[in-house]
C-alpha atoms as a PDB file:
ATOM      1  CA  SER A   1     209.228 112.558 248.913  1.00  0.00           C
ATOM      2  CA  ILE A   2     210.288 115.975 247.614  1.00  0.00           C
ATOM      3  CA  PRO A   3     208.102 117.333 244.797  1.00  0.00           C
ATOM      4  CA  LYS A   4     209.884 117.567 241.475  1.00  0.00           C
ATOM      5  CA  GLY A   5     211.346 120.989 240.909  1.00  0.00           C
ATOM      6  CA  ALA A   6     211.420 121.923 244.581  1.00  0.00           C
ATOM      7  CA  GLU A   7     214.558 120.014 245.596  1.00  0.00           C
ATOM      8  CA  GLN A   8     216.806 123.079 245.598  1.00  0.00           C
ATOM      9  CA  LEU A   9     214.368 125.161 247.710  1.00  0.00           C
ATOM     10  CA  VAL A  10     213.783 122.260 250.084  1.00  0.00           C
ATOM     11  CA  HIS A  11     217.526 121.789 250.484  1.00  0.00           C
ATOM     12  CA  GLN A  12     218.073 125.520 251.042  1.00  0.00           C
ATOM     13  CA  VAL A  13     215.421 125.711 253.763  1.00  0.00           C
ATOM     14  CA  SER A  14     216.661 122.515 255.467  1.00  0.00           C
ATOM     15  CA  SER A  15     220.304 123.594 255.448  1.00  0.00           C
ATOM     16  CA  VAL A  16     219.540 126.686 257.523  1.00  0.00           C
ATOM     17  CA  GLY A  17     217.534 124.784 260.123  1.00  0.00           C
ATOM     18  CA  GLY A  18     214.067 125.266 258.661  1.00  0.00           C
ATOM     19  CA  THR A  19     211.361 122.725 257.935  1.00  0.00           C
ATOM     20  CA  PRO A  20     210.292 123.031 254.280  1.00  0.00           C
ATOM     21  CA  LEU A  21     206.598 122.917 253.487  1.00  0.00           C
ATOM     22  CA  ALA A  22     205.829 122.627 249.795  1.00  0.00           C
ATOM     23  CA  VAL A  23     202.593 124.221 248.589  1.00  0.00           C
ATOM     24  CA  MET A  24     201.116 122.657 245.463  1.00  0.00           C
ATOM     25  CA  LYS A  25     198.029 122.958 243.306  1.00  0.00           C
ATOM     26  CA  ASN A  26     197.223 120.368 240.657  1.00  0.00           C
ATOM     27  CA  GLU A  27     200.758 118.892 240.751  1.00  0.00           C
ATOM     28  CA  GLU A  28     202.213 122.403 240.253  1.00  0.00           C
ATOM     29  CA  ILE A  29     204.536 123.819 242.942  1.00  0.00           C
ATOM     30  CA  LEU A  30     203.402 127.211 244.026  1.00  0.00           C
ATOM     31  CA  GLY A  31     206.190 127.693 246.561  1.00  0.00           C
ATOM     32  CA  VAL A  32     208.006 126.395 249.609  1.00  0.00           C
ATOM     33  CA  ILE A  33     207.180 127.755 253.048  1.00  0.00           C
ATOM     34  CA  TYR A  34     210.015 128.120 255.544  1.00  0.00           C
ATOM     35  CA  LEU A  35     209.016 126.923 259.037  1.00  0.00           C
ATOM     36  CA  LYS A  36     211.600 127.205 261.807  1.00  0.00           C
ATOM     37  CA  ASP A  37     211.664 126.444 265.517  1.00  0.00           C
ATOM     38  CA  VAL A  38     213.120 129.338 267.378  1.00  0.00           C
ATOM     39  CA  VAL A  39     216.094 128.372 269.541  1.00  0.00           C
ATOM     40  CA  LYS A  40     215.650 130.280 272.807  1.00  0.00           C
ATOM     41  CA  SER A  41     218.312 132.789 273.635  1.00  0.00           C
ATOM     42  CA  GLY A  42     220.864 131.550 276.190  1.00  0.00           C
ATOM     43  CA  LEU A  43     220.182 127.928 275.332  1.00  0.00           C
ATOM     44  CA  LYS A  44     223.647 127.263 273.928  1.00  0.00           C
ATOM     45  CA  GLU A  45     225.189 128.581 277.141  1.00  0.00           C
ATOM     46  CA  ARG A  46     222.865 126.378 279.259  1.00  0.00           C
ATOM     47  CA  PHE A  47     223.883 123.325 277.257  1.00  0.00           C
ATOM     48  CA  GLU A  48     227.548 124.280 277.867  1.00  0.00           C
ATOM     49  CA  GLN A  49     226.755 124.446 281.583  1.00  0.00           C
ATOM     50  CA  LEU A  50     225.247 120.942 281.350  1.00  0.00           C
ATOM     51  CA  ARG A  51     228.482 119.724 279.716  1.00  0.00           C
ATOM     52  CA  THR A  52     230.600 121.117 282.514  1.00  0.00           C
ATOM     53  CA  MET A  53     228.341 119.230 284.952  1.00  0.00           C
ATOM     54  CA  GLY A  54     229.153 116.016 283.073  1.00  0.00           C
ATOM     55  CA  ILE A  55     225.725 115.780 281.419  1.00  0.00           C
ATOM     56  CA  LYS A  56     225.610 114.783 277.721  1.00  0.00           C
ATOM     57  CA  THR A  57     222.773 116.311 275.665  1.00  0.00           C
ATOM     58  CA  ILE A  58     221.159 114.492 272.758  1.00  0.00           C
ATOM     59  CA  MET A  59     218.402 116.092 270.707  1.00  0.00           C
ATOM     60  CA  CYS A  60     215.783 113.678 269.274  1.00  0.00           C
ATOM     61  CA  THR A  61     213.695 115.302 266.593  1.00  0.00           C
ATOM     62  CA  GLY A  62     211.322 114.329 263.799  1.00  0.00           C
ATOM     63  CA  ASP A  63     213.063 116.776 261.469  1.00  0.00           C
ATOM     64  CA  ASN A  64     215.112 115.597 258.503  1.00  0.00           C
ATOM     65  CA  PRO A  65     218.863 115.121 259.068  1.00  0.00           C
ATOM     66  CA  LEU A  66     219.854 118.436 257.392  1.00  0.00           C
ATOM     67  CA  THR A  67     217.435 120.524 259.470  1.00  0.00           C
ATOM     68  CA  ALA A  68     218.304 118.568 262.635  1.00  0.00           C
ATOM     69  CA  ALA A  69     222.032 119.136 262.109  1.00  0.00           C
ATOM     70  CA  SER A  70     221.518 122.881 261.681  1.00  0.00           C
ATOM     71  CA  ILE A  71     219.344 123.198 264.779  1.00  0.00           C
ATOM     72  CA  ALA A  72     221.695 120.966 266.822  1.00  0.00           C
ATOM     73  CA  LYS A  73     224.646 123.197 265.886  1.00  0.00           C
ATOM     74  CA  GLU A  74     222.697 126.383 266.690  1.00  0.00           C
ATOM     75  CA  ALA A  75     221.502 125.003 270.027  1.00  0.00           C
ATOM     76  CA  GLY A  76     224.849 123.515 270.980  1.00  0.00           C
ATOM     77  CA  VAL A  77     223.776 119.976 271.812  1.00  0.00           C
ATOM     78  CA  ASP A  78     226.345 117.157 271.915  1.00  0.00           C
ATOM     79  CA  SER A  79     224.575 114.993 269.343  1.00  0.00           C
ATOM     80  CA  PHE A  80     221.205 114.453 267.678  1.00  0.00           C
ATOM     81  CA  VAL A  81     218.938 111.799 266.241  1.00  0.00           C
ATOM     82  CA  ALA A  82     216.930 112.957 263.188  1.00  0.00           C
ATOM     83  CA  GLU A  83     213.638 111.587 261.900  1.00  0.00           C
ATOM     84  CA  SER A  84     213.133 110.184 265.403  1.00  0.00           C
ATOM     85  CA  LYS A  85     209.959 108.291 266.172  1.00  0.00           C
ATOM     86  CA  PRO A  86     208.670 107.416 269.693  1.00  0.00           C
ATOM     87  CA  GLU A  87     210.180 103.928 269.482  1.00  0.00           C
ATOM     88  CA  ASP A  88     213.551 105.422 268.480  1.00  0.00           C
ATOM     89  CA  LYS A  89     213.568 107.596 271.606  1.00  0.00           C
ATOM     90  CA  ILE A  90     212.767 104.639 273.859  1.00  0.00           C
ATOM     91  CA  LYS A  91     215.471 102.555 272.206  1.00  0.00           C
ATOM     92  CA  LEU A  92     218.075 105.289 272.754  1.00  0.00           C
ATOM     93  CA  ILE A  93     217.056 105.707 276.399  1.00  0.00           C
ATOM     94  CA  LYS A  94     217.258 101.931 277.003  1.00  0.00           C
ATOM     95  CA  GLU A  95     220.685 101.771 275.387  1.00  0.00           C
ATOM     96  CA  GLU A  96     221.995 104.555 277.643  1.00  0.00           C
ATOM     97  CA  GLN A  97     220.424 102.940 280.728  1.00  0.00           C
ATOM     98  CA  ALA A  98     222.036  99.593 279.778  1.00  0.00           C
ATOM     99  CA  LEU A  99     225.380 101.356 279.960  1.00  0.00           C
ATOM    100  CA  GLY A 100     224.596 102.268 283.555  1.00  0.00           C
ATOM    101  CA  ARG A 101     223.733 105.886 282.824  1.00  0.00           C
ATOM    102  CA  ILE A 102     220.910 107.810 284.455  1.00  0.00           C
ATOM    103  CA  VAL A 103     218.757 109.293 281.695  1.00  0.00           C
ATOM    104  CA  ALA A 104     216.675 112.457 282.003  1.00  0.00           C
ATOM    105  CA  MET A 105     214.268 113.363 279.200  1.00  0.00           C
ATOM    106  CA  THR A 106     212.441 116.591 278.502  1.00  0.00           C
ATOM    107  CA  GLY A 107     209.526 116.652 276.128  1.00  0.00           C
ATOM    108  CA  ASP A 108     206.202 118.178 275.356  1.00  0.00           C
ATOM    109  CA  GLY A 109     204.356 116.027 272.844  1.00  0.00           C
ATOM    110  CA  THR A 110     202.176 112.937 272.861  1.00  0.00           C
ATOM    111  CA  ASN A 111     204.973 111.224 270.891  1.00  0.00           C
ATOM    112  CA  ASP A 112     207.363 111.991 273.805  1.00  0.00           C
ATOM    113  CA  ALA A 113     205.167 110.317 276.455  1.00  0.00           C
ATOM    114  CA  PRO A 114     206.558 106.750 276.132  1.00  0.00           C
ATOM    115  CA  ALA A 115     210.147 108.034 276.389  1.00  0.00           C
ATOM    116  CA  LEU A 116     209.307 110.306 279.313  1.00  0.00           C
ATOM    117  CA  ALA A 117     207.914 107.229 281.123  1.00  0.00           C
ATOM    118  CA  GLN A 118     211.019 105.156 280.258  1.00  0.00           C
ATOM    119  CA  ALA A 119     213.571 107.749 281.391  1.00  0.00           C
ATOM    120  CA  ASN A 120     214.860 107.746 284.956  1.00  0.00           C
ATOM    121  CA  VAL A 121     213.739 111.381 285.192  1.00  0.00           C
ATOM    122  CA  GLY A 122     210.987 112.588 282.861  1.00  0.00           C
ATOM    123  CA  ILE A 123     210.313 116.315 282.698  1.00  0.00           C
ATOM    124  CA  ALA A 124     207.309 117.461 280.682  1.00  0.00           C
ATOM    125  CA  MET A 125     206.924 121.048 279.536  1.00  0.00           C
ATOM    126  CA  ASN A 126     203.937 122.891 281.021  1.00  0.00           C
ATOM    127  CA  THR A 127     202.996 123.933 277.484  1.00  0.00           C
ATOM    128  CA  GLY A 128     202.967 120.267 276.439  1.00  0.00           C
ATOM    129  CA  THR A 129     200.223 117.732 275.948  1.00  0.00           C
ATOM    130  CA  ASN A 130     198.370 116.027 278.772  1.00  0.00           C
ATOM    131  CA  ALA A 131     199.900 112.687 277.705  1.00  0.00           C
ATOM    132  CA  ALA A 132     203.426 114.080 278.184  1.00  0.00           C
ATOM    133  CA  LYS A 133     202.490 115.571 281.556  1.00  0.00           C
ATOM    134  CA  GLU A 134     200.970 112.284 282.775  1.00  0.00           C
ATOM    135  CA  ALA A 135     203.952 110.190 281.645  1.00  0.00           C
ATOM    136  CA  ALA A 136     206.593 112.454 283.219  1.00  0.00           C
ATOM    137  CA  ASN A 137     207.849 112.467 286.813  1.00  0.00           C
ATOM    138  CA  MET A 138     207.538 116.280 286.939  1.00  0.00           C
ATOM    139  CA  VAL A 139     206.185 119.163 284.946  1.00  0.00           C
ATOM    140  CA  ASP A 140     208.329 122.233 284.264  1.00  0.00           C
ATOM    141  CA  LEU A 141     206.104 125.267 284.689  1.00  0.00           C
ATOM    142  CA  ASP A 142     208.594 127.474 282.805  1.00  0.00           C
ATOM    143  CA  SER A 143     208.717 125.067 279.804  1.00  0.00           C
ATOM    144  CA  ASN A 144     212.517 125.357 279.691  1.00  0.00           C
ATOM    145  CA  PRO A 145     214.254 122.262 278.231  1.00  0.00           C
ATOM    146  CA  THR A 146     217.381 122.986 280.306  1.00  0.00           C
ATOM    147  CA  LYS A 147     215.511 122.803 283.622  1.00  0.00           C
ATOM    148  CA  ILE A 148     217.535 119.652 284.230  1.00  0.00           C
ATOM    149  CA  ILE A 149     220.313 121.962 285.571  1.00  0.00           C
ATOM    150  CA  GLU A 150     218.116 122.997 288.498  1.00  0.00           C
ATOM    151  CA  VAL A 151     216.863 119.411 288.967  1.00  0.00           C
ATOM    152  CA  VAL A 152     220.459 118.135 289.271  1.00  0.00           C
ATOM    153  CA  GLU A 153     221.436 120.940 291.651  1.00  0.00           C
ATOM    154  CA  ILE A 154     218.430 120.315 293.878  1.00  0.00           C
ATOM    155  CA  GLY A 155     219.130 116.581 293.817  1.00  0.00           C
ATOM    156  CA  LYS A 156     222.690 117.163 294.977  1.00  0.00           C
ATOM    157  CA  GLN A 157     221.415 119.390 297.819  1.00  0.00           C
ATOM    158  CA  LEU A 158     218.934 116.710 298.840  1.00  0.00           C
ATOM    159  CA  LEU A 159     221.684 114.057 298.878  1.00  0.00           C
ATOM    160  CA  MET A 160     223.903 116.265 301.032  1.00  0.00           C
ATOM    161  CA  THR A 161     221.004 116.991 303.396  1.00  0.00           C
ATOM    162  CA  ARG A 162     220.160 113.310 303.573  1.00  0.00           C
ATOM    163  CA  GLY A 163     223.814 112.490 304.369  1.00  0.00           C
ATOM    164  CA  ALA A 164     223.915 115.097 307.080  1.00  0.00           C
ATOM    165  CA  LEU A 165     220.654 113.829 308.617  1.00  0.00           C
ATOM    166  CA  THR A 166     221.879 110.210 308.491  1.00  0.00           C
ATOM    167  CA  THR A 167     225.167 111.216 310.172  1.00  0.00           C
ATOM    168  CA  PHE A 168     223.231 113.152 312.841  1.00  0.00           C
ATOM    169  CA  SER A 169     220.877 110.230 313.395  1.00  0.00           C
ATOM    170  CA  ILE A 170     223.740 107.740 313.826  1.00  0.00           C
ATOM    171  CA  ALA A 171     225.612 110.116 316.162  1.00  0.00           C
ATOM    172  CA  ASN A 172     222.446 110.674 318.163  1.00  0.00           C
ATOM    173  CA  ASP A 173     221.793 106.927 318.526  1.00  0.00           C
ATOM    174  CA  ALA A 174     225.424 106.343 319.568  1.00  0.00           C
ATOM    175  CA  ALA A 175     225.200 109.154 322.132  1.00  0.00           C
ATOM    176  CA  LYS A 176     222.116 107.480 323.654  1.00  0.00           C
ATOM    177  CA  TYR A 177     223.999 104.212 324.096  1.00  0.00           C
ATOM    178  CA  PHE A 178     226.947 105.943 325.716  1.00  0.00           C
ATOM    179  CA  ALA A 179     224.535 107.685 328.095  1.00  0.00           C
ATOM    180  CA  ILE A 180     222.523 104.528 328.938  1.00  0.00           C
ATOM    181  CA  ILE A 181     225.456 102.030 329.410  1.00  0.00           C
ATOM    182  CA  PRO A 182     227.257 104.053 332.148  1.00  0.00           C
ATOM    183  CA  ALA A 183     223.970 104.646 333.938  1.00  0.00           C
ATOM    184  CA  MET A 184     223.331 100.875 334.005  1.00  0.00           C
END
């Protein structure tokens, strides 16, 4: 709950994407500290690139709705879930998977580990906790939440290579039969 008398300061800090931290002594408010996650430069453009690839971005955060909305707008994500707990993240992933979607998740905290394990592709940040790294399918050494762009591009290349190898293998097998049958 918001300490009495600090509502306006808390609202001000939240509305600009900060997390308010009230400092009190003996029930008296001494001040409100403004904590803010820094949105990496170029992140908005990377999320736009994801959109053009047909990838929807959803930010799940423990922040209050006002702070989450401000950060989501600044980062350029498609939607967000505020005050998100580990079970909320898993629920969201399962809902998307039930719709037949492939879900990729990036995270760095112990609270992200269950969702990283549930996702089709879990990418833990290198700066993250051991629990997140153990639960994920891969660890991003650059700790870049938009690394999924490279993962998708590499996946497409692998599929094309696999298709080419399969075609070559079938053609090679067919050529053997055409060489063996006339010889017989």
